Amino acid sequence: MSQSKQRIIESLDDLPNDSLSALAEFAEYLRAKALTPRPAAVVESDQSMPLGGLFKGYRFEEPDFAAARNEAWKALETGKE
């Protein structure tokens, strides 16, 4: 048995019944999520790619990524950052 699984089992004794019910529902959710196949990434026809984090809301196209990749490799080769 993994350490994570053992920790979870040990912590069950400290939970109130309401929490056990919620935990059971969450475990079912996680099981269903793990068994559900994830769809392959879909690339839109315009070949742009939505990003998250600081870039959420911006769309970048492959030439933008290629230019950034080339710039990064060039900086690595010359020792600049």
Protein backbone atom coordinates (compact mmCIF):
# COMPACT_ATOMS: atom_id res chain seq x y z
CA MET A 1 0.00 0.00 0.00
CA SER A 2 1.36 3.44 -0.87
CA GLN A 3 2.13 6.01 1.81
CA SER A 4 -0.54 8.34 0.44
CA LYS A 5 -3.19 5.66 0.61
CA GLN A 6 -2.13 4.73 4.15
CA ARG A 7 -2.29 8.40 5.26
CA ILE A 8 -5.79 8.73 3.82
CA ILE A 9 -7.01 5.59 5.56
CA GLU A 10 -5.54 6.73 8.89
CA SER A 11 -7.16 10.17 8.62
CA LEU A 12 -10.63 8.68 8.05
CA ASP A 13 -11.00 7.95 11.77
CA ASP A 14 -10.79 11.68 12.57
CA LEU A 15 -13.48 12.79 10.12
CA PRO A 16 -17.12 13.42 11.10
CA ASN A 17 -19.81 11.42 9.27
CA ASP A 18 -20.81 14.41 7.12
CA SER A 19 -17.26 14.66 5.85
CA LEU A 20 -17.11 10.93 5.14
CA SER A 21 -20.14 11.25 2.90
CA ALA A 22 -18.59 14.17 1.03
CA LEU A 23 -15.31 12.28 0.77
CA ALA A 24 -17.07 9.25 -0.70
CA GLU A 25 -18.72 11.45 -3.35
CA PHE A 26 -15.38 13.08 -4.17
CA ALA A 27 -13.68 9.69 -4.46
CA GLU A 28 -16.39 8.59 -6.91
CA TYR A 29 -15.82 11.77 -8.91
CA LEU A 30 -12.06 11.13 -9.05
CA ARG A 31 -12.63 7.52 -10.09
CA ALA A 32 -15.00 8.55 -12.89
CA LYS A 33 -12.60 11.28 -14.00
CA ALA A 34 -9.72 8.79 -14.17
CA LEU A 35 -11.79 6.33 -16.21
CA THR A 36 -13.11 8.94 -18.66
CA PRO A 37 -10.92 9.23 -21.75
CA ARG A 38 -9.60 12.72 -22.29
CA PRO A 39 -10.16 14.22 -25.73
CA ALA A 40 -7.12 14.94 -27.83
CA ALA A 41 -6.10 18.55 -28.04
CA VAL A 42 -8.01 20.33 -30.75
CA VAL A 43 -6.13 22.76 -32.91
CA GLU A 44 -8.40 25.32 -34.44
CA SER A 45 -8.36 25.85 -38.16
CA ASP A 46 -6.64 29.22 -37.82
CA GLN A 47 -3.70 27.46 -36.11
CA SER A 48 -3.72 29.89 -33.17
CA MET A 49 -3.37 28.63 -29.65
CA PRO A 50 -5.13 30.00 -26.53
CA LEU A 51 -2.98 30.11 -23.40
CA GLY A 52 -3.65 30.63 -19.73
CA GLY A 53 -1.92 32.36 -16.84
CA LEU A 54 -0.41 35.71 -17.74
CA PHE A 55 -1.25 35.13 -21.38
CA LYS A 56 -4.95 34.33 -20.88
CA GLY A 57 -7.00 36.11 -23.49
CA TYR A 58 -4.14 36.37 -25.98
CA ARG A 59 -3.87 34.11 -29.00
CA PHE A 60 -0.55 33.09 -30.49
CA GLU A 61 0.05 31.50 -33.85
CA GLU A 62 2.74 28.97 -34.74
CA PRO A 63 5.07 31.59 -36.29
CA ASP A 64 5.04 33.42 -32.92
CA PHE A 65 6.11 30.23 -31.12
CA ALA A 66 8.74 29.49 -33.77
CA ALA A 67 10.25 32.96 -33.40
CA ALA A 68 10.32 32.67 -29.60
CA ARG A 69 11.85 29.20 -29.81
CA ASN A 70 14.55 30.41 -32.22
CA GLU A 71 15.31 33.40 -30.00
CA ALA A 72 15.60 31.15 -26.93
CA TRP A 73 17.96 28.73 -28.68
CA LYS A 74 20.06 31.60 -30.00
CA ALA A 75 20.33 33.03 -26.47
CA LEU A 76 21.39 29.63 -25.13
CA GLU A 77 24.03 29.26 -27.82
CA THR A 78 25.51 32.70 -27.14
CA GLY A 79 25.15 32.46 -23.36
CA LYS A 80 22.72 35.41 -23.14
CA GLU A 81 19.40 35.29 -21.34
